[in-house]
Amino acid sequence: MILGIQRSVSIDQAGLRDVTAPFFSHAWEQRKLRDYLVPSKEKNSALSYGKDEVLSVSGDAGVVNQIQFQGRSYAGASTKDYGVVQTGDVIYTKSPLKKNPFGIIKTNKGKAGIVSTLYAVYKPKDNTYTPFVEVYFDDDARLNNYLRPLVNKGAKNDMKVSKSGALTGLICFPGATEQRMLSEFFQQLEDLITLHQRKLSHLQQQKKALLQQMFV
């Protein structure tokens, strides 16, 4: 099924590059996610990656180094069966979150590493720019609606869905070039948000210091 969708994204006064030039008029295609991703079979069998290279997936921070993010490694005694995650690979974690009861889908934008068998790792096909996969599923409602019919929850609230089964849902993607440009646009937004958050934090600290000096 082909969906005709017109796009025009532009934000003025924010220092963002206009992604509408050139304007994309190609239809977005409704297909199954397996038409864009394939399950990875790459394992850490040769122990090429150590426990200091174990990755975790956070709803807010994305794919992160476990030690740097959580302060320690939670790896098992052996990491031979852990999946290798290359830069650009997509990860589906079956751990439920409050906003995402069926798990989350993120793209590894950092260094390569390994993940436990609780994670499903996917390689992109030639028609896929994987940062866009994360952008697409950043919307909680879209992510939950996609995963809900695919996932069965066990008695212990564990997710029962195979790696290939998680790819059988329908999505609607543009072509690879437009995927890239949209991903770059949203990354600029993230960078801008981070910049202003840092400025806000600095101003709040400055205000606190001035108030303390005022009443000395």
C-alpha atoms as a PDB file:
ATOM      1  CA  MET A   1       0.000   0.000   0.000  1.00  0.00           C
ATOM      2  CA  ILE A   2       1.353   3.428  -0.946  1.00  0.00           C
ATOM      3  CA  LEU A   3       0.420   6.429   1.147  1.00  0.00           C
ATOM      4  CA  GLY A   4       0.609   9.871  -0.438  1.00  0.00           C
ATOM      5  CA  ILE A   5       1.911  12.196   2.277  1.00  0.00           C
ATOM      6  CA  GLN A   6       3.134  15.737   1.778  1.00  0.00           C
ATOM      7  CA  ARG A   7       5.812  16.954   4.148  1.00  0.00           C
ATOM      8  CA  SER A   8       7.015  20.433   4.958  1.00  0.00           C
ATOM      9  CA  VAL A   9       9.167  20.900   8.036  1.00  0.00           C
ATOM     10  CA  SER A  10      10.673  24.208   8.938  1.00  0.00           C
ATOM     11  CA  ILE A  11      11.345  26.025  12.200  1.00  0.00           C
ATOM     12  CA  ASP A  12      12.382  29.646  12.019  1.00  0.00           C
ATOM     13  CA  GLN A  13      14.417  31.599  14.565  1.00  0.00           C
ATOM     14  CA  ALA A  14      15.934  28.394  15.928  1.00  0.00           C
ATOM     15  CA  GLY A  15      19.080  28.092  13.874  1.00  0.00           C
ATOM     16  CA  LEU A  16      17.838  24.937  12.180  1.00  0.00           C
ATOM     17  CA  ARG A  17      18.575  23.972   8.591  1.00  0.00           C
ATOM     18  CA  ASP A  18      15.469  23.766   6.416  1.00  0.00           C
ATOM     19  CA  VAL A  19      14.992  20.120   5.432  1.00  0.00           C
ATOM     20  CA  THR A  20      12.382  20.997   2.803  1.00  0.00           C
ATOM     21  CA  ALA A  21      15.090  21.849   0.268  1.00  0.00           C
ATOM     22  CA  PRO A  22      14.906  19.837  -1.838  1.00  0.00           C
ATOM     23  CA  PHE A  23      11.203  19.280  -1.176  1.00  0.00           C
ATOM     24  CA  PHE A  24      10.276  15.605  -0.995  1.00  0.00           C
ATOM     25  CA  SER A  25       7.103  14.654  -2.817  1.00  0.00           C
ATOM     26  CA  HIS A  26       7.611  10.886  -2.940  1.00  0.00           C
ATOM     27  CA  ALA A  27       4.994   8.771  -1.191  1.00  0.00           C
ATOM     28  CA  TRP A  28       5.826   7.063   2.088  1.00  0.00           C
ATOM     29  CA  GLU A  29       5.387   3.302   1.875  1.00  0.00           C
ATOM     30  CA  GLN A  30       3.419   1.213   4.328  1.00  0.00           C
ATOM     31  CA  ARG A  31       5.364  -2.013   4.731  1.00  0.00           C
ATOM     32  CA  LYS A  32       6.458  -4.397   7.434  1.00  0.00           C
ATOM     33  CA  LEU A  33       9.469  -3.492   9.530  1.00  0.00           C
ATOM     34  CA  ARG A  34      11.201  -6.660   8.310  1.00  0.00           C
ATOM     35  CA  ASP A  35      11.474  -4.966   4.910  1.00  0.00           C
ATOM     36  CA  TYR A  36      13.935  -2.549   6.538  1.00  0.00           C
ATOM     37  CA  LEU A  37      15.668  -4.565   9.265  1.00  0.00           C
ATOM     38  CA  VAL A  38      17.009  -8.099   9.657  1.00  0.00           C
ATOM     39  CA  PRO A  39      17.885  -9.931  12.923  1.00  0.00           C
ATOM     40  CA  SER A  40      21.608  -9.911  13.667  1.00  0.00           C
ATOM     41  CA  LYS A  41      23.374 -13.221  14.243  1.00  0.00           C
ATOM     42  CA  GLU A  42      26.625 -11.648  15.459  1.00  0.00           C
ATOM     43  CA  LYS A  43      27.642 -12.996  18.897  1.00  0.00           C
ATOM     44  CA  ASN A  44      30.502 -12.260  21.265  1.00  0.00           C
ATOM     45  CA  SER A  45      31.682 -15.880  20.974  1.00  0.00           C
ATOM     46  CA  ALA A  46      35.361 -14.880  20.610  1.00  0.00           C
ATOM     47  CA  LEU A  47      35.053 -12.546  23.629  1.00  0.00           C
ATOM     48  CA  SER A  48      36.144  -9.634  21.464  1.00  0.00           C
ATOM     49  CA  TYR A  49      34.206  -7.314  23.777  1.00  0.00           C
ATOM     50  CA  GLY A  50      34.653  -7.195  27.560  1.00  0.00           C
ATOM     51  CA  LYS A  51      32.269  -6.446  30.407  1.00  0.00           C
ATOM     52  CA  ASP A  52      33.259  -2.794  30.247  1.00  0.00           C
ATOM     53  CA  GLU A  53      31.666  -2.659  26.787  1.00  0.00           C
ATOM     54  CA  VAL A  54      28.209  -3.914  27.772  1.00  0.00           C
ATOM     55  CA  LEU A  55      25.450  -1.606  26.546  1.00  0.00           C
ATOM     56  CA  SER A  56      22.066  -0.745  28.021  1.00  0.00           C
ATOM     57  CA  VAL A  57      19.046   0.941  26.471  1.00  0.00           C
ATOM     58  CA  SER A  58      17.374   3.911  28.162  1.00  0.00           C
ATOM     59  CA  GLY A  59      14.082   5.466  27.171  1.00  0.00           C
ATOM     60  CA  ASP A  60      15.559   8.967  27.464  1.00  0.00           C
ATOM     61  CA  ALA A  61      19.276   8.467  26.785  1.00  0.00           C
ATOM     62  CA  GLY A  62      19.035   5.767  24.098  1.00  0.00           C
ATOM     63  CA  VAL A  63      21.836   3.216  23.757  1.00  0.00           C
ATOM     64  CA  VAL A  64      24.461   3.849  26.440  1.00  0.00           C
ATOM     65  CA  ASN A  65      27.485   2.179  27.995  1.00  0.00           C
ATOM     66  CA  GLN A  66      26.210   0.341  31.067  1.00  0.00           C
ATOM     67  CA  ILE A  67      29.068   1.348  33.376  1.00  0.00           C
ATOM     68  CA  GLN A  68      29.019   4.988  32.331  1.00  0.00           C
ATOM     69  CA  PHE A  69      25.238   5.213  32.637  1.00  0.00           C
ATOM     70  CA  GLN A  70      24.523   2.989  35.649  1.00  0.00           C
ATOM     71  CA  GLY A  71      27.842   3.061  37.454  1.00  0.00           C
ATOM     72  CA  ARG A  72      28.579  -0.642  37.146  1.00  0.00           C
ATOM     73  CA  SER A  73      28.315  -3.631  34.846  1.00  0.00           C
ATOM     74  CA  TYR A  74      25.476  -6.087  35.311  1.00  0.00           C
ATOM     75  CA  ALA A  75      26.963  -8.648  32.924  1.00  0.00           C
ATOM     76  CA  GLY A  76      26.735 -12.337  33.737  1.00  0.00           C
ATOM     77  CA  ALA A  77      29.682 -14.635  34.407  1.00  0.00           C
ATOM     78  CA  SER A  78      30.141 -15.167  30.664  1.00  0.00           C
ATOM     79  CA  THR A  79      29.370 -12.818  27.796  1.00  0.00           C
ATOM     80  CA  LYS A  80      29.955 -15.363  25.012  1.00  0.00           C
ATOM     81  CA  ASP A  81      26.265 -15.477  24.109  1.00  0.00           C
ATOM     82  CA  TYR A  82      25.843 -11.713  24.222  1.00  0.00           C
ATOM     83  CA  GLY A  83      24.860 -10.039  20.958  1.00  0.00           C
ATOM     84  CA  VAL A  84      27.335  -7.699  19.291  1.00  0.00           C
ATOM     85  CA  VAL A  85      25.947  -4.255  18.535  1.00  0.00           C
ATOM     86  CA  GLN A  86      27.739  -2.282  15.855  1.00  0.00           C
ATOM     87  CA  THR A  87      27.325   1.457  15.377  1.00  0.00           C
ATOM     88  CA  GLY A  88      24.069   1.922  13.464  1.00  0.00           C
ATOM     89  CA  ASP A  89      22.469  -1.320  14.627  1.00  0.00           C
ATOM     90  CA  VAL A  90      18.934  -1.187  16.038  1.00  0.00           C
ATOM     91  CA  ILE A  91      18.110  -2.654  19.460  1.00  0.00           C
ATOM     92  CA  TYR A  92      14.748  -3.763  20.823  1.00  0.00           C
ATOM     93  CA  THR A  93      14.712  -4.206  24.575  1.00  0.00           C
ATOM     94  CA  LYS A  94      11.898  -6.294  25.996  1.00  0.00           C
ATOM     95  CA  SER A  95      12.109  -4.632  29.425  1.00  0.00           C
ATOM     96  CA  PRO A  96       8.826  -2.817  30.141  1.00  0.00           C
ATOM     97  CA  LEU A  97       8.872   0.842  31.089  1.00  0.00           C
ATOM     98  CA  LYS A  98       6.050   2.893  32.582  1.00  0.00           C
ATOM     99  CA  LYS A  99       5.435   4.785  29.330  1.00  0.00           C
ATOM    100  CA  ASN A 100       6.370   1.823  27.137  1.00  0.00           C
ATOM    101  CA  PRO A 101       4.930  -1.399  28.604  1.00  0.00           C
ATOM    102  CA  PHE A 102       6.048  -3.466  25.585  1.00  0.00           C
ATOM    103  CA  GLY A 103       9.664  -2.272  25.509  1.00  0.00           C
ATOM    104  CA  ILE A 104      11.520   0.288  23.426  1.00  0.00           C
ATOM    105  CA  ILE A 105      13.368   0.461  20.103  1.00  0.00           C
ATOM    106  CA  LYS A 106      16.579   2.499  19.804  1.00  0.00           C
ATOM    107  CA  THR A 107      19.537   2.897  17.433  1.00  0.00           C
ATOM    108  CA  ASN A 108      23.140   2.600  18.584  1.00  0.00           C
ATOM    109  CA  LYS A 109      24.676   5.948  17.654  1.00  0.00           C
ATOM    110  CA  GLY A 110      27.805   5.420  19.743  1.00  0.00           C
ATOM    111  CA  LYS A 111      30.608   2.886  19.942  1.00  0.00           C
ATOM    112  CA  ALA A 112      30.137  -0.809  19.265  1.00  0.00           C
ATOM    113  CA  GLY A 113      29.508  -3.073  22.246  1.00  0.00           C
ATOM    114  CA  ILE A 114      27.492  -6.052  23.442  1.00  0.00           C
ATOM    115  CA  VAL A 115      24.056  -6.639  24.958  1.00  0.00           C
ATOM    116  CA  SER A 116      22.556  -9.502  26.906  1.00  0.00           C
ATOM    117  CA  THR A 117      20.257 -12.080  25.350  1.00  0.00           C
ATOM    118  CA  LEU A 118      17.279 -10.077  26.649  1.00  0.00           C
ATOM    119  CA  TYR A 119      17.841  -7.669  23.767  1.00  0.00           C
ATOM    120  CA  ALA A 120      17.144  -8.190  20.074  1.00  0.00           C
ATOM    121  CA  VAL A 121      19.690  -6.673  17.691  1.00  0.00           C
ATOM    122  CA  TYR A 122      18.948  -5.813  14.064  1.00  0.00           C
ATOM    123  CA  LYS A 123      21.010  -4.896  11.009  1.00  0.00           C
ATOM    124  CA  PRO A 124      19.712  -2.392   8.450  1.00  0.00           C
ATOM    125  CA  LYS A 125      18.919  -3.255   4.859  1.00  0.00           C
ATOM    126  CA  ASP A 126      20.154  -1.025   2.048  1.00  0.00           C
ATOM    127  CA  ASN A 127      16.940   1.015   2.086  1.00  0.00           C
ATOM    128  CA  THR A 128      17.307   1.986   5.745  1.00  0.00           C
ATOM    129  CA  TYR A 129      19.006   4.839   7.593  1.00  0.00           C
ATOM    130  CA  THR A 130      18.756   3.480  11.120  1.00  0.00           C
ATOM    131  CA  PRO A 131      18.702   6.759  13.101  1.00  0.00           C
ATOM    132  CA  PHE A 132      15.323   7.325  11.452  1.00  0.00           C
ATOM    133  CA  VAL A 133      14.048   4.079  13.005  1.00  0.00           C
ATOM    134  CA  GLU A 134      14.631   5.636  16.418  1.00  0.00           C
ATOM    135  CA  VAL A 135      13.025   8.910  15.332  1.00  0.00           C
ATOM    136  CA  TYR A 136       9.979   7.008  14.090  1.00  0.00           C
ATOM    137  CA  PHE A 137       9.539   5.127  17.366  1.00  0.00           C
ATOM    138  CA  ASP A 138      10.337   8.097  19.632  1.00  0.00           C
ATOM    139  CA  ASP A 139       6.617   8.792  19.774  1.00  0.00           C
ATOM    140  CA  ASP A 140       5.322   6.669  22.684  1.00  0.00           C
ATOM    141  CA  ALA A 141       1.855   6.136  21.225  1.00  0.00           C
ATOM    142  CA  ARG A 142       3.275   5.012  17.869  1.00  0.00           C
ATOM    143  CA  LEU A 143       5.746   2.644  19.547  1.00  0.00           C
ATOM    144  CA  ASN A 144       3.147   1.132  21.884  1.00  0.00           C
ATOM    145  CA  ASN A 145       0.579   0.727  19.105  1.00  0.00           C
ATOM    146  CA  TYR A 146       3.184  -1.009  16.960  1.00  0.00           C
ATOM    147  CA  LEU A 147       4.352  -3.474  19.626  1.00  0.00           C
ATOM    148  CA  ARG A 148       1.028  -4.183  21.383  1.00  0.00           C
ATOM    149  CA  PRO A 149      -0.365  -6.708  18.873  1.00  0.00           C
ATOM    150  CA  LEU A 150       3.026  -8.428  18.502  1.00  0.00           C
ATOM    151  CA  VAL A 151       3.929  -8.996  22.158  1.00  0.00           C
ATOM    152  CA  ASN A 152       2.462 -11.482  24.598  1.00  0.00           C
ATOM    153  CA  LYS A 153       3.203 -10.862  28.271  1.00  0.00           C
ATOM    154  CA  GLY A 154       4.060 -13.816  30.490  1.00  0.00           C
ATOM    155  CA  ALA A 155       3.002 -14.402  34.084  1.00  0.00           C
ATOM    156  CA  LYS A 156       6.109 -12.558  35.307  1.00  0.00           C
ATOM    157  CA  ASN A 157       5.439  -9.595  33.002  1.00  0.00           C
ATOM    158  CA  ASP A 158       8.152 -10.832  30.626  1.00  0.00           C
ATOM    159  CA  MET A 159       7.848 -10.195  26.902  1.00  0.00           C
ATOM    160  CA  LYS A 160       7.182 -13.184  24.689  1.00  0.00           C
ATOM    161  CA  VAL A 161       8.074 -12.225  21.127  1.00  0.00           C
ATOM    162  CA  SER A 162      10.805 -13.550  18.860  1.00  0.00           C
ATOM    163  CA  LYS A 163      13.409 -11.365  17.152  1.00  0.00           C
ATOM    164  CA  SER A 164      11.761 -11.922  13.794  1.00  0.00           C
ATOM    165  CA  GLY A 165       8.276 -11.606  15.279  1.00  0.00           C
ATOM    166  CA  ALA A 166       9.029  -8.062  16.443  1.00  0.00           C
ATOM    167  CA  LEU A 167       9.536  -7.082  12.806  1.00  0.00           C
ATOM    168  CA  THR A 168       6.158  -8.207  11.510  1.00  0.00           C
ATOM    169  CA  GLY A 169       4.229  -5.034  12.322  1.00  0.00           C
ATOM    170  CA  LEU A 170       3.334  -2.365   9.777  1.00  0.00           C
ATOM    171  CA  ILE A 171       5.244   0.923   9.598  1.00  0.00           C
ATOM    172  CA  CYS A 172       5.278   3.834   7.160  1.00  0.00           C
ATOM    173  CA  PHE A 173       8.739   5.006   6.039  1.00  0.00           C
ATOM    174  CA  PRO A 174       9.987   7.403   3.358  1.00  0.00           C
ATOM    175  CA  GLY A 175      12.956   6.651   1.122  1.00  0.00           C
ATOM    176  CA  ALA A 176      16.472   6.382   2.566  1.00  0.00           C
ATOM    177  CA  THR A 177      17.524   9.905   1.536  1.00  0.00           C
ATOM    178  CA  GLU A 178      14.523  11.469   3.235  1.00  0.00           C
ATOM    179  CA  GLN A 179      15.071   9.237   6.264  1.00  0.00           C
ATOM    180  CA  ARG A 180      18.563  10.690   6.594  1.00  0.00           C
ATOM    181  CA  MET A 181      17.502  14.312   6.228  1.00  0.00           C
ATOM    182  CA  LEU A 182      14.650  13.988   8.707  1.00  0.00           C
ATOM    183  CA  SER A 183      16.973  12.276  11.199  1.00  0.00           C
ATOM    184  CA  GLU A 184      19.501  15.099  10.871  1.00  0.00           C
ATOM    185  CA  PHE A 185      16.742  17.643  11.405  1.00  0.00           C
ATOM    186  CA  PHE A 186      15.516  16.009  14.614  1.00  0.00           C
ATOM    187  CA  GLN A 187      19.114  15.647  15.834  1.00  0.00           C
ATOM    188  CA  GLN A 188      19.501  19.398  15.425  1.00  0.00           C
ATOM    189  CA  LEU A 189      16.387  19.832  17.552  1.00  0.00           C
ATOM    190  CA  GLU A 190      17.861  17.558  20.248  1.00  0.00           C
ATOM    191  CA  ASP A 191      21.127  19.498  20.209  1.00  0.00           C
ATOM    192  CA  LEU A 192      19.228  22.771  20.495  1.00  0.00           C
ATOM    193  CA  ILE A 193      17.171  21.466  23.428  1.00  0.00           C
ATOM    194  CA  THR A 194      20.343  20.294  25.198  1.00  0.00           C
ATOM    195  CA  LEU A 195      21.997  23.675  24.646  1.00  0.00           C
ATOM    196  CA  HIS A 196      19.063  25.572  26.134  1.00  0.00           C
ATOM    197  CA  GLN A 197      18.801  23.145  29.051  1.00  0.00           C
ATOM    198  CA  ARG A 198      22.448  23.846  29.888  1.00  0.00           C
ATOM    199  CA  LYS A 199      21.831  27.587  29.614  1.00  0.00           C
ATOM    200  CA  LEU A 200      18.793  27.276  31.888  1.00  0.00           C
ATOM    201  CA  SER A 201      20.766  25.260  34.439  1.00  0.00           C
ATOM    202  CA  HIS A 202      23.549  27.871  34.408  1.00  0.00           C
ATOM    203  CA  LEU A 203      21.064  30.720  34.910  1.00  0.00           C
ATOM    204  CA  GLN A 204      19.360  28.878  37.773  1.00  0.00           C
ATOM    205  CA  GLN A 205      22.708  28.369  39.504  1.00  0.00           C
ATOM    206  CA  GLN A 206      23.587  32.006  38.927  1.00  0.00           C
ATOM    207  CA  LYS A 207      20.272  33.122  40.422  1.00  0.00           C
ATOM    208  CA  LYS A 208      20.810  30.892  43.468  1.00  0.00           C
ATOM    209  CA  ALA A 209      24.308  32.321  44.039  1.00  0.00           C
ATOM    210  CA  LEU A 210      23.061  35.922  43.736  1.00  0.00           C
ATOM    211  CA  LEU A 211      20.211  35.303  46.168  1.00  0.00           C
ATOM    212  CA  GLN A 212      22.652  33.854  48.698  1.00  0.00           C
ATOM    213  CA  GLN A 213      24.951  36.870  48.352  1.00  0.00           C
ATOM    214  CA  MET A 214      22.024  39.265  48.691  1.00  0.00           C
ATOM    215  CA  PHE A 215      21.112  38.102  52.184  1.00  0.00           C
ATOM    216  CA  VAL A 216      24.608  37.618  53.642  1.00  0.00           C
END
